[in-house]
Amino acid sequence: MVKKRLIFTLLYNDGGFMLSRNFRLQRAGNIEWLKTNYDFKNIAFTIDELIILDVSRNERNIKRFCDHIKLIGEECFIPISAGGGITSPEHAKAILNSGADKLVVNSALYNKQDFIRELVSIYGSQCIIGSVDVKKQKNDFEIYIDNGSVKIELPLSEHIEHIISLGIGEIYINSMDKDGTGHGYMFDLLIKLNNITNVPIIIAGGAGNWHHLIDGLQHDIVDAVATANLFNFIGNGFPNARTQLLNSEINLAQWESKGFIELKNSLKRHVSS
């Protein structure tokens, strides 16, 4: 059975890392702040993958973004996926050369489809994650591109079917309504994805604690859960969350650092007392 995954998403903007609530950004800190508050050498044993997204609202500085991917990669020995405004083969290559293992594409799934096919032909489906941002509207969902600023007039199910036909390897689907709220995932979304069986699904938007992560991973069609909530998972947040997921018999991979073992034993002692 394929293991399920816990993913940490970092939102990057012009040299800093951001909090997002319903796609409104607030700066949390720079790379040094990130290193101070997250021990990536230990976090590498408690998350399965890191996603770094350039959500810059102004003109993107690709080199600066790639430099930050490199700096994080030096600290964190787990798979890294990265993206944000990828529009050319050169841009994609720069991100992969900076240490990313996969590319995350969003707007180009709608307005540069030949380019997506080109990326798939060069790097393979397993290297391309299709990101979809949605808002709930009555009994359906609207799709947004360009950092959530432009709505596209296409049904969600049709858009999903089409981007799968482009050859992408995974779908990262993010609820703009739930984004940054910490109130849990938008599970109504999963009804729209029920017929997808051949492409892994990552859900994002709304996770604020380990209970939400468990709720997400217990759904059969969910292969991974992602959170970009910087403060709710700070410090021992991820080691604690992974311990709780494993205790709930979620089918996760197990790698144990010294710090993770110490924390797990501490939690066991706390529960038994």
C-alpha atoms as a PDB file:
ATOM      1  CA  MET A   1       0.000   0.000   0.000  1.00  0.00           C
ATOM      2  CA  VAL A   2       1.315   3.455  -0.947  1.00  0.00           C
ATOM      3  CA  LYS A   3       2.206   5.543   2.104  1.00  0.00           C
ATOM      4  CA  LYS A   4       0.278   8.720   2.801  1.00  0.00           C
ATOM      5  CA  ARG A   5       2.174  11.971   3.233  1.00  0.00           C
ATOM      6  CA  LEU A   6       2.366  15.046   5.445  1.00  0.00           C
ATOM      7  CA  ILE A   7       3.492  18.174   3.564  1.00  0.00           C
ATOM      8  CA  PHE A   8       4.630  21.572   4.802  1.00  0.00           C
ATOM      9  CA  THR A   9       4.025  24.474   2.395  1.00  0.00           C
ATOM     10  CA  LEU A  10       6.119  27.625   2.619  1.00  0.00           C
ATOM     11  CA  LEU A  11       4.807  30.795   1.002  1.00  0.00           C
ATOM     12  CA  TYR A  12       7.605  33.029  -0.270  1.00  0.00           C
ATOM     13  CA  ASN A  13       7.284  36.685  -1.255  1.00  0.00           C
ATOM     14  CA  ASP A  14      10.162  39.017  -2.104  1.00  0.00           C
ATOM     15  CA  GLY A  15      12.725  37.582   0.306  1.00  0.00           C
ATOM     16  CA  GLY A  16      10.313  36.777   3.124  1.00  0.00           C
ATOM     17  CA  PHE A  17       7.960  34.030   4.230  1.00  0.00           C
ATOM     18  CA  MET A  18       4.306  34.767   4.572  1.00  0.00           C
ATOM     19  CA  LEU A  19       1.138  33.966   6.454  1.00  0.00           C
ATOM     20  CA  SER A  20      -1.918  33.763   4.242  1.00  0.00           C
ATOM     21  CA  ARG A  21      -5.581  34.056   5.146  1.00  0.00           C
ATOM     22  CA  ASN A  22      -8.026  33.769   2.257  1.00  0.00           C
ATOM     23  CA  PHE A  23      -5.056  34.706   0.034  1.00  0.00           C
ATOM     24  CA  ARG A  24      -4.331  37.961   1.879  1.00  0.00           C
ATOM     25  CA  LEU A  25      -0.656  37.940   2.812  1.00  0.00           C
ATOM     26  CA  GLN A  26       1.138  39.000   5.972  1.00  0.00           C
ATOM     27  CA  ARG A  27       4.900  38.788   6.360  1.00  0.00           C
ATOM     28  CA  ALA A  28       6.124  36.409   9.084  1.00  0.00           C
ATOM     29  CA  GLY A  29       9.888  36.681   8.664  1.00  0.00           C
ATOM     30  CA  ASN A  30      12.932  36.134   6.480  1.00  0.00           C
ATOM     31  CA  ILE A  31      15.092  33.046   5.968  1.00  0.00           C
ATOM     32  CA  GLU A  32      16.872  33.556   9.301  1.00  0.00           C
ATOM     33  CA  TRP A  33      13.503  33.763  11.075  1.00  0.00           C
ATOM     34  CA  LEU A  34      12.508  30.532   9.388  1.00  0.00           C
ATOM     35  CA  LYS A  35      15.702  28.750  10.466  1.00  0.00           C
ATOM     36  CA  THR A  36      15.334  30.045  14.028  1.00  0.00           C
ATOM     37  CA  ASN A  37      11.764  28.849  14.407  1.00  0.00           C
ATOM     38  CA  TYR A  38      11.970  25.578  12.465  1.00  0.00           C
ATOM     39  CA  ASP A  39      14.721  23.049  13.015  1.00  0.00           C
ATOM     40  CA  PHE A  40      14.752  21.699   9.479  1.00  0.00           C
ATOM     41  CA  LYS A  41      17.325  19.023  10.256  1.00  0.00           C
ATOM     42  CA  ASN A  42      14.814  17.529  12.706  1.00  0.00           C
ATOM     43  CA  ILE A  43      11.695  18.463  10.730  1.00  0.00           C
ATOM     44  CA  ALA A  44      13.064  16.311   7.915  1.00  0.00           C
ATOM     45  CA  PHE A  45      12.092  13.313  10.018  1.00  0.00           C
ATOM     46  CA  THR A  46       8.555  14.527  10.671  1.00  0.00           C
ATOM     47  CA  ILE A  47       7.274  15.713   7.287  1.00  0.00           C
ATOM     48  CA  ASP A  48       7.397  13.836   4.004  1.00  0.00           C
ATOM     49  CA  GLU A  49       7.779  16.717   1.613  1.00  0.00           C
ATOM     50  CA  LEU A  50       8.285  20.461   1.524  1.00  0.00           C
ATOM     51  CA  ILE A  51       6.523  22.701  -1.002  1.00  0.00           C
ATOM     52  CA  ILE A  52       7.859  26.229  -1.553  1.00  0.00           C
ATOM     53  CA  LEU A  53       5.615  28.589  -3.515  1.00  0.00           C
ATOM     54  CA  ASP A  54       6.568  32.019  -4.816  1.00  0.00           C
ATOM     55  CA  VAL A  55       3.361  33.978  -4.196  1.00  0.00           C
ATOM     56  CA  SER A  56       4.885  37.372  -4.985  1.00  0.00           C
ATOM     57  CA  ARG A  57       2.264  39.885  -6.060  1.00  0.00           C
ATOM     58  CA  ASN A  58       4.764  42.053  -7.933  1.00  0.00           C
ATOM     59  CA  GLU A  59       7.386  41.122 -10.507  1.00  0.00           C
ATOM     60  CA  ARG A  60       9.132  37.928  -9.430  1.00  0.00           C
ATOM     61  CA  ASN A  61      12.873  37.789  -8.819  1.00  0.00           C
ATOM     62  CA  ILE A  62      13.534  34.225  -9.988  1.00  0.00           C
ATOM     63  CA  LYS A  63      17.197  34.161  -8.949  1.00  0.00           C
ATOM     64  CA  ARG A  64      16.403  35.331  -5.422  1.00  0.00           C
ATOM     65  CA  PHE A  65      13.654  32.729  -5.083  1.00  0.00           C
ATOM     66  CA  CYS A  66      16.017  29.991  -6.294  1.00  0.00           C
ATOM     67  CA  ASP A  67      18.665  31.147  -3.816  1.00  0.00           C
ATOM     68  CA  HIS A  68      16.140  30.640  -1.013  1.00  0.00           C
ATOM     69  CA  ILE A  69      15.288  27.154  -2.278  1.00  0.00           C
ATOM     70  CA  LYS A  70      19.008  26.318  -2.130  1.00  0.00           C
ATOM     71  CA  LEU A  71      19.358  27.658   1.417  1.00  0.00           C
ATOM     72  CA  ILE A  72      16.391  25.647   2.655  1.00  0.00           C
ATOM     73  CA  GLY A  73      17.571  22.535   0.805  1.00  0.00           C
ATOM     74  CA  GLU A  74      20.906  22.705   2.610  1.00  0.00           C
ATOM     75  CA  GLU A  75      19.037  22.347   5.907  1.00  0.00           C
ATOM     76  CA  CYS A  76      16.275  19.962   4.919  1.00  0.00           C
ATOM     77  CA  PHE A  77      17.042  16.569   3.378  1.00  0.00           C
ATOM     78  CA  ILE A  78      13.585  15.704   2.100  1.00  0.00           C
ATOM     79  CA  PRO A  79      11.935  16.093  -1.314  1.00  0.00           C
ATOM     80  CA  ILE A  80      11.244  19.724  -2.220  1.00  0.00           C
ATOM     81  CA  SER A  81       8.642  20.882  -4.728  1.00  0.00           C
ATOM     82  CA  ALA A  82       8.665  24.489  -5.822  1.00  0.00           C
ATOM     83  CA  GLY A  83       6.813  26.823  -8.129  1.00  0.00           C
ATOM     84  CA  GLY A  84       4.949  30.054  -8.591  1.00  0.00           C
ATOM     85  CA  GLY A  85       4.580  31.823 -11.913  1.00  0.00           C
ATOM     86  CA  ILE A  86       6.593  29.298 -13.935  1.00  0.00           C
ATOM     87  CA  THR A  87       6.223  30.424 -17.545  1.00  0.00           C
ATOM     88  CA  SER A  88       9.293  29.174 -19.414  1.00  0.00           C
ATOM     89  CA  PRO A  89      11.583  26.127 -19.645  1.00  0.00           C
ATOM     90  CA  GLU A  90      14.426  28.308 -18.353  1.00  0.00           C
ATOM     91  CA  HIS A  91      12.423  29.264 -15.266  1.00  0.00           C
ATOM     92  CA  ALA A  92      11.563  25.609 -14.612  1.00  0.00           C
ATOM     93  CA  LYS A  93      15.177  24.524 -15.081  1.00  0.00           C
ATOM     94  CA  ALA A  94      16.423  27.197 -12.676  1.00  0.00           C
ATOM     95  CA  ILE A  95      14.078  25.937  -9.957  1.00  0.00           C
ATOM     96  CA  LEU A  96      15.127  22.313 -10.440  1.00  0.00           C
ATOM     97  CA  ASN A  97      18.815  23.280 -10.518  1.00  0.00           C
ATOM     98  CA  SER A  98      18.338  25.057  -7.182  1.00  0.00           C
ATOM     99  CA  GLY A  99      17.506  21.748  -5.503  1.00  0.00           C
ATOM    100  CA  ALA A 100      13.802  21.212  -6.120  1.00  0.00           C
ATOM    101  CA  ASP A 101      12.691  17.698  -7.076  1.00  0.00           C
ATOM    102  CA  LYS A 102       9.314  18.692  -8.546  1.00  0.00           C
ATOM    103  CA  LEU A 103       7.697  21.711 -10.188  1.00  0.00           C
ATOM    104  CA  VAL A 104       4.380  23.204  -9.051  1.00  0.00           C
ATOM    105  CA  VAL A 105       2.336  24.877 -11.790  1.00  0.00           C
ATOM    106  CA  ASN A 106      -0.971  26.688 -11.539  1.00  0.00           C
ATOM    107  CA  SER A 107      -1.988  29.432 -13.978  1.00  0.00           C
ATOM    108  CA  ALA A 108      -0.123  27.779 -16.845  1.00  0.00           C
ATOM    109  CA  LEU A 109      -2.452  24.783 -16.560  1.00  0.00           C
ATOM    110  CA  TYR A 110      -5.112  27.063 -18.010  1.00  0.00           C
ATOM    111  CA  ASN A 111      -3.302  29.558 -20.218  1.00  0.00           C
ATOM    112  CA  LYS A 112      -0.080  27.791 -21.298  1.00  0.00           C
ATOM    113  CA  GLN A 113      -1.105  24.212 -21.888  1.00  0.00           C
ATOM    114  CA  ASP A 114       1.457  23.489 -24.610  1.00  0.00           C
ATOM    115  CA  PHE A 115       4.116  24.627 -22.172  1.00  0.00           C
ATOM    116  CA  ILE A 116       2.821  22.142 -19.560  1.00  0.00           C
ATOM    117  CA  ARG A 117       2.992  19.350 -22.134  1.00  0.00           C
ATOM    118  CA  GLU A 118       6.564  20.429 -22.879  1.00  0.00           C
ATOM    119  CA  LEU A 119       7.517  20.230 -19.190  1.00  0.00           C
ATOM    120  CA  VAL A 120       5.957  16.774 -18.943  1.00  0.00           C
ATOM    121  CA  SER A 121       7.863  15.604 -22.014  1.00  0.00           C
ATOM    122  CA  ILE A 122      11.169  16.927 -20.631  1.00  0.00           C
ATOM    123  CA  TYR A 123      10.914  15.950 -16.966  1.00  0.00           C
ATOM    124  CA  GLY A 124       8.152  13.319 -16.784  1.00  0.00           C
ATOM    125  CA  SER A 125       4.732  13.338 -15.150  1.00  0.00           C
ATOM    126  CA  GLN A 126       6.154  12.516 -11.722  1.00  0.00           C
ATOM    127  CA  CYS A 127       7.939  15.887 -11.717  1.00  0.00           C
ATOM    128  CA  ILE A 128       4.861  18.063 -12.293  1.00  0.00           C
ATOM    129  CA  ILE A 129       2.301  19.001  -9.625  1.00  0.00           C
ATOM    130  CA  GLY A 130      -0.822  20.771 -10.835  1.00  0.00           C
ATOM    131  CA  SER A 131      -2.035  23.326  -8.300  1.00  0.00           C
ATOM    132  CA  VAL A 132      -5.704  24.389  -8.313  1.00  0.00           C
ATOM    133  CA  ASP A 133      -7.104  27.217  -6.157  1.00  0.00           C
ATOM    134  CA  VAL A 134     -10.858  27.186  -5.607  1.00  0.00           C
ATOM    135  CA  LYS A 135     -13.646  29.104  -3.873  1.00  0.00           C
ATOM    136  CA  LYS A 136     -16.962  27.566  -2.937  1.00  0.00           C
ATOM    137  CA  GLN A 137     -19.995  29.014  -4.717  1.00  0.00           C
ATOM    138  CA  LYS A 138     -23.336  27.493  -3.682  1.00  0.00           C
ATOM    139  CA  ASN A 139     -23.029  23.775  -4.534  1.00  0.00           C
ATOM    140  CA  ASP A 140     -20.016  24.117  -6.786  1.00  0.00           C
ATOM    141  CA  PHE A 141     -16.521  25.604  -6.839  1.00  0.00           C
ATOM    142  CA  GLU A 142     -14.981  28.442  -8.836  1.00  0.00           C
ATOM    143  CA  ILE A 143     -11.390  28.226 -10.048  1.00  0.00           C
ATOM    144  CA  TYR A 144      -8.930  31.103  -9.663  1.00  0.00           C
ATOM    145  CA  ILE A 145      -5.506  31.704 -11.190  1.00  0.00           C
ATOM    146  CA  ASP A 146      -2.851  34.447 -10.921  1.00  0.00           C
ATOM    147  CA  ASN A 147      -2.544  34.249  -7.125  1.00  0.00           C
ATOM    148  CA  GLY A 148      -6.303  34.019  -6.723  1.00  0.00           C
ATOM    149  CA  SER A 149      -6.990  37.267  -8.587  1.00  0.00           C
ATOM    150  CA  VAL A 150      -8.610  35.959 -11.795  1.00  0.00           C
ATOM    151  CA  LYS A 151     -11.597  33.635 -12.017  1.00  0.00           C
ATOM    152  CA  ILE A 152     -11.762  31.263 -14.957  1.00  0.00           C
ATOM    153  CA  GLU A 153     -15.094  30.277 -16.453  1.00  0.00           C
ATOM    154  CA  LEU A 154     -14.697  26.525 -16.349  1.00  0.00           C
ATOM    155  CA  PRO A 155     -16.365  23.878 -14.150  1.00  0.00           C
ATOM    156  CA  LEU A 156     -13.980  22.361 -11.608  1.00  0.00           C
ATOM    157  CA  SER A 157     -14.544  18.781 -12.765  1.00  0.00           C
ATOM    158  CA  GLU A 158     -13.821  19.752 -16.370  1.00  0.00           C
ATOM    159  CA  HIS A 159     -10.658  21.637 -15.384  1.00  0.00           C
ATOM    160  CA  ILE A 160      -9.405  18.693 -13.325  1.00  0.00           C
ATOM    161  CA  GLU A 161     -10.043  16.232 -16.151  1.00  0.00           C
ATOM    162  CA  HIS A 162      -8.244  18.481 -18.588  1.00  0.00           C
ATOM    163  CA  ILE A 163      -5.124  19.069 -16.500  1.00  0.00           C
ATOM    164  CA  ILE A 164      -4.852  15.322 -15.923  1.00  0.00           C
ATOM    165  CA  SER A 165      -4.941  14.897 -19.698  1.00  0.00           C
ATOM    166  CA  LEU A 166      -1.923  17.240 -19.904  1.00  0.00           C
ATOM    167  CA  GLY A 167       0.091  14.565 -18.109  1.00  0.00           C
ATOM    168  CA  ILE A 168       0.668  16.054 -14.660  1.00  0.00           C
ATOM    169  CA  GLY A 169       1.605  13.622 -11.900  1.00  0.00           C
ATOM    170  CA  GLU A 170      -0.243  15.045  -8.870  1.00  0.00           C
ATOM    171  CA  ILE A 171      -2.969  17.537  -8.005  1.00  0.00           C
ATOM    172  CA  TYR A 172      -2.572  20.060  -5.167  1.00  0.00           C
ATOM    173  CA  ILE A 173      -6.043  21.458  -4.519  1.00  0.00           C
ATOM    174  CA  ASN A 174      -6.349  24.440  -2.213  1.00  0.00           C
ATOM    175  CA  SER A 175      -9.466  25.970  -0.666  1.00  0.00           C
ATOM    176  CA  MET A 176      -9.260  29.765  -0.729  1.00  0.00           C
ATOM    177  CA  ASP A 177     -12.215  29.934   1.681  1.00  0.00           C
ATOM    178  CA  LYS A 178     -10.400  27.815   4.261  1.00  0.00           C
ATOM    179  CA  ASP A 179      -6.915  29.189   3.587  1.00  0.00           C
ATOM    180  CA  GLY A 180      -5.242  30.279   6.815  1.00  0.00           C
ATOM    181  CA  THR A 181      -8.359  29.874   8.961  1.00  0.00           C
ATOM    182  CA  GLY A 182      -7.172  26.826  10.917  1.00  0.00           C
ATOM    183  CA  HIS A 183     -10.748  25.506  10.841  1.00  0.00           C
ATOM    184  CA  GLY A 184     -10.071  22.296   8.921  1.00  0.00           C
ATOM    185  CA  TYR A 185     -10.149  21.273   5.277  1.00  0.00           C
ATOM    186  CA  MET A 186     -12.961  21.850   2.785  1.00  0.00           C
ATOM    187  CA  PHE A 187     -14.121  18.238   2.453  1.00  0.00           C
ATOM    188  CA  ASP A 188     -16.936  19.173   0.072  1.00  0.00           C
ATOM    189  CA  LEU A 189     -14.132  19.399  -2.473  1.00  0.00           C
ATOM    190  CA  LEU A 190     -13.528  15.673  -2.279  1.00  0.00           C
ATOM    191  CA  ILE A 191     -16.967  14.940  -3.730  1.00  0.00           C
ATOM    192  CA  LYS A 192     -15.810  16.663  -6.914  1.00  0.00           C
ATOM    193  CA  LEU A 193     -12.678  14.500  -6.981  1.00  0.00           C
ATOM    194  CA  ASN A 194     -14.281  11.120  -6.300  1.00  0.00           C
ATOM    195  CA  ASN A 195     -13.767   9.850  -9.840  1.00  0.00           C
ATOM    196  CA  ILE A 196     -10.027  10.571  -9.840  1.00  0.00           C
ATOM    197  CA  THR A 197      -8.196   7.352  -9.123  1.00  0.00           C
ATOM    198  CA  ASN A 198      -5.009   7.517 -11.162  1.00  0.00           C
ATOM    199  CA  VAL A 199      -3.485  10.804  -9.932  1.00  0.00           C
ATOM    200  CA  PRO A 200      -2.476  11.448  -6.299  1.00  0.00           C
ATOM    201  CA  ILE A 201      -4.480  14.160  -4.535  1.00  0.00           C
ATOM    202  CA  ILE A 202      -2.958  16.660  -2.072  1.00  0.00           C
ATOM    203  CA  ILE A 203      -5.478  18.775  -0.149  1.00  0.00           C
ATOM    204  CA  ALA A 204      -4.576  22.156   1.311  1.00  0.00           C
ATOM    205  CA  GLY A 205      -6.234  25.100   2.989  1.00  0.00           C
ATOM    206  CA  GLY A 206      -7.511  25.111   6.566  1.00  0.00           C
ATOM    207  CA  ALA A 207      -5.343  22.749   8.634  1.00  0.00           C
ATOM    208  CA  GLY A 208      -4.669  24.224  12.051  1.00  0.00           C
ATOM    209  CA  ASN A 209      -3.826  21.179  14.171  1.00  0.00           C
ATOM    210  CA  TRP A 210      -3.088  17.472  13.962  1.00  0.00           C
ATOM    211  CA  HIS A 211      -6.781  16.562  14.246  1.00  0.00           C
ATOM    212  CA  HIS A 212      -7.370  18.237  10.888  1.00  0.00           C
ATOM    213  CA  LEU A 213      -4.471  16.319   9.349  1.00  0.00           C
ATOM    214  CA  ILE A 214      -5.955  13.030  10.532  1.00  0.00           C
ATOM    215  CA  ASP A 215      -9.389  14.019   9.207  1.00  0.00           C
ATOM    216  CA  GLY A 216      -7.843  14.635   5.802  1.00  0.00           C
ATOM    217  CA  LEU A 217      -5.719  11.508   5.583  1.00  0.00           C
ATOM    218  CA  GLN A 218      -8.603   9.258   6.602  1.00  0.00           C
ATOM    219  CA  HIS A 219     -10.288   9.956   3.267  1.00  0.00           C
ATOM    220  CA  ASP A 220      -9.490   7.225   0.757  1.00  0.00           C
ATOM    221  CA  ILE A 221      -8.921   9.561  -2.186  1.00  0.00           C
ATOM    222  CA  VAL A 222      -6.533  11.827  -0.250  1.00  0.00           C
ATOM    223  CA  ASP A 223      -2.893  10.847  -0.709  1.00  0.00           C
ATOM    224  CA  ALA A 224      -1.379  13.777   1.195  1.00  0.00           C
ATOM    225  CA  VAL A 225      -2.349  16.706   3.394  1.00  0.00           C
ATOM    226  CA  ALA A 226      -0.573  20.058   3.282  1.00  0.00           C
ATOM    227  CA  THR A 227      -0.457  22.959   5.699  1.00  0.00           C
ATOM    228  CA  ALA A 228       1.048  26.414   5.306  1.00  0.00           C
ATOM    229  CA  ASN A 229       0.138  27.438   8.849  1.00  0.00           C
ATOM    230  CA  LEU A 230       3.479  28.764  10.115  1.00  0.00           C
ATOM    231  CA  PHE A 231       2.503  29.443  13.716  1.00  0.00           C
ATOM    232  CA  ASN A 232       0.242  26.490  14.541  1.00  0.00           C
ATOM    233  CA  PHE A 233       3.003  24.021  13.643  1.00  0.00           C
ATOM    234  CA  ILE A 234       5.974  25.932  15.018  1.00  0.00           C
ATOM    235  CA  GLY A 235       8.489  24.338  17.400  1.00  0.00           C
ATOM    236  CA  ASN A 236       7.406  20.745  18.118  1.00  0.00           C
ATOM    237  CA  GLY A 237       4.242  21.135  16.055  1.00  0.00           C
ATOM    238  CA  PHE A 238       5.246  18.758  13.276  1.00  0.00           C
ATOM    239  CA  PRO A 239       6.926  16.083  15.454  1.00  0.00           C
ATOM    240  CA  ASN A 240       3.835  16.084  17.668  1.00  0.00           C
ATOM    241  CA  ALA A 241       1.501  15.925  14.657  1.00  0.00           C
ATOM    242  CA  ARG A 242       3.356  12.989  13.099  1.00  0.00           C
ATOM    243  CA  THR A 243       3.312  11.093  16.383  1.00  0.00           C
ATOM    244  CA  GLN A 244      -0.437  11.583  16.644  1.00  0.00           C
ATOM    245  CA  LEU A 245      -0.931  10.491  13.028  1.00  0.00           C
ATOM    246  CA  LEU A 246       1.070   7.314  13.594  1.00  0.00           C
ATOM    247  CA  ASN A 247      -0.781   6.617  16.850  1.00  0.00           C
ATOM    248  CA  SER A 248      -4.016   6.903  14.849  1.00  0.00           C
ATOM    249  CA  GLU A 249      -2.699   4.210  12.488  1.00  0.00           C
ATOM    250  CA  ILE A 250      -2.372   6.539   9.501  1.00  0.00           C
ATOM    251  CA  ASN A 251      -0.209   4.749   6.932  1.00  0.00           C
ATOM    252  CA  LEU A 252       2.840   7.039   7.028  1.00  0.00           C
ATOM    253  CA  ALA A 253       6.496   6.270   6.486  1.00  0.00           C
ATOM    254  CA  GLN A 254       8.523   6.151   9.691  1.00  0.00           C
ATOM    255  CA  TRP A 255      11.979   7.668  10.058  1.00  0.00           C
ATOM    256  CA  GLU A 256      13.096   8.556  13.526  1.00  0.00           C
ATOM    257  CA  SER A 257      15.610  11.179  14.533  1.00  0.00           C
ATOM    258  CA  LYS A 258      16.889  11.383  18.087  1.00  0.00           C
ATOM    259  CA  GLY A 259      14.690  14.419  18.745  1.00  0.00           C
ATOM    260  CA  PHE A 260      11.624  12.721  17.275  1.00  0.00           C
ATOM    261  CA  ILE A 261      12.145   9.595  19.403  1.00  0.00           C
ATOM    262  CA  GLU A 262      12.550  11.724  22.545  1.00  0.00           C
ATOM    263  CA  LEU A 263       9.371  13.646  21.791  1.00  0.00           C
ATOM    264  CA  LYS A 264       7.395  10.475  21.035  1.00  0.00           C
ATOM    265  CA  ASN A 265       8.526   8.866  24.291  1.00  0.00           C
ATOM    266  CA  SER A 266       7.623  12.037  26.169  1.00  0.00           C
ATOM    267  CA  LEU A 267       4.123  12.016  24.690  1.00  0.00           C
ATOM    268  CA  LYS A 268       3.693   8.343  25.591  1.00  0.00           C
ATOM    269  CA  ARG A 269       4.682   9.056  29.179  1.00  0.00           C
ATOM    270  CA  HIS A 270       2.264  11.973  29.296  1.00  0.00           C
ATOM    271  CA  VAL A 271      -0.609   9.833  28.018  1.00  0.00           C
ATOM    272  CA  SER A 272       0.126   6.953  30.437  1.00  0.00           C
ATOM    273  CA  SER A 273       0.281   9.292  33.427  1.00  0.00           C
END
